[in-house]
Amino acid sequence: MVMKMTLVSLWCIQPNPLDRPSMGKVIDMLEGSLESIPYPPKPVLFSPERLVSQYSDISYSNEHETSSTTIEEIDLEKGLM
């Protein structure tokens, strides 16, 4: 039962919403046999849709501290740009 719930949960957290099962399919998977549940695709380390689209520099400052964060665009084919 634990393995079945794990597989179903991995399907439900797919980064692309179109890859996630409907609630009806989730119920079918939970009620069916473990063997009928396919393994989900291997996960990626990050969601390509959530990458920063361009270079950004974010700064924060107040009278006690200053903080700066730099974010660079990542091209999945070439690495850091």
Protein backbone atom coordinates (compact mmCIF):
# COMPACT_ATOMS: atom_id res chain seq x y z
CA MET A 1 0.00 0.00 0.00
CA VAL A 2 2.86 2.41 0.79
CA MET A 3 4.43 1.85 -2.64
CA LYS A 4 1.08 2.47 -4.35
CA MET A 5 0.55 5.72 -2.45
CA THR A 6 4.10 6.81 -3.24
CA LEU A 7 3.67 6.22 -6.98
CA VAL A 8 0.34 8.04 -7.04
CA SER A 9 1.79 10.97 -5.11
CA LEU A 10 4.72 11.19 -7.53
CA TRP A 11 2.24 11.43 -10.40
CA CYS A 12 0.30 14.15 -8.56
CA ILE A 13 3.34 16.41 -8.09
CA GLN A 14 4.55 16.44 -11.69
CA PRO A 15 5.94 19.92 -12.56
CA ASN A 16 3.75 20.16 -15.67
CA PRO A 17 0.06 20.22 -14.64
CA LEU A 18 -0.89 18.46 -17.88
CA ASP A 19 1.11 15.40 -16.74
CA ARG A 20 -0.83 15.11 -13.46
CA PRO A 21 -3.70 12.62 -13.26
CA SER A 22 -7.30 13.70 -12.82
CA MET A 23 -8.95 12.94 -9.47
CA GLY A 24 -10.89 10.14 -11.15
CA LYS A 25 -7.63 8.60 -12.37
CA VAL A 26 -6.10 8.97 -8.88
CA ILE A 27 -9.02 7.02 -7.40
CA ASP A 28 -8.65 4.34 -10.09
CA MET A 29 -4.93 4.03 -9.32
CA LEU A 30 -5.54 3.79 -5.56
CA GLU A 31 -8.28 1.18 -5.97
CA GLY A 32 -6.41 -0.82 -8.64
CA SER A 33 -3.40 -3.08 -8.35
CA LEU A 34 0.13 -1.82 -7.81
CA GLU A 35 1.20 -3.43 -11.09
CA SER A 36 -1.30 -1.29 -13.05
CA ILE A 37 0.35 1.98 -11.94
CA PRO A 38 3.15 3.02 -14.31
CA TYR A 39 6.25 4.71 -12.95
CA PRO A 40 6.20 8.48 -13.46
CA PRO A 41 8.92 10.12 -15.56
CA LYS A 42 12.25 10.75 -13.87
CA PRO A 43 12.14 14.08 -12.04
CA VAL A 44 14.15 17.08 -13.12
CA LEU A 45 16.05 19.14 -10.59
CA PHE A 46 13.98 22.19 -11.42
CA SER A 47 10.96 23.16 -13.45
CA PRO A 48 11.99 24.74 -16.79
CA GLU A 49 8.86 26.92 -16.79
CA ARG A 50 9.96 28.50 -13.54
CA LEU A 51 13.39 29.62 -14.68
CA VAL A 52 14.12 33.31 -14.56
CA SER A 53 13.55 34.68 -18.05
CA GLN A 54 16.31 37.26 -17.88
CA TYR A 55 19.15 38.52 -15.73
CA SER A 56 17.94 40.16 -12.53
CA ASP A 57 19.61 41.99 -9.68
CA ILE A 58 17.53 42.36 -6.55
CA SER A 59 18.67 44.63 -3.72
CA TYR A 60 17.24 45.32 -0.30
CA SER A 61 18.47 47.93 2.14
CA ASN A 62 17.46 49.44 5.44
CA GLU A 63 19.32 51.40 8.10
CA HIS A 64 20.79 48.21 9.66
CA GLU A 65 21.61 45.93 6.74
CA THR A 66 22.00 45.64 3.00
CA SER A 67 21.30 42.52 0.97
CA SER A 68 21.79 41.86 -2.75
CA THR A 69 20.84 38.83 -4.84
CA THR A 70 21.80 38.17 -8.45
CA ILE A 71 19.83 35.78 -10.64
CA GLU A 72 21.08 34.66 -14.04
CA GLU A 73 19.11 33.09 -16.88
CA ILE A 74 19.81 29.39 -17.45
CA ASP A 75 19.63 27.81 -20.89
CA LEU A 76 18.89 24.09 -20.45
CA GLU A 77 20.96 23.20 -23.51
CA LYS A 78 24.00 25.40 -22.81
CA GLY A 79 24.09 25.89 -19.04
CA LEU A 80 24.64 29.36 -17.60
CA MET A 81 24.45 32.13 -20.18
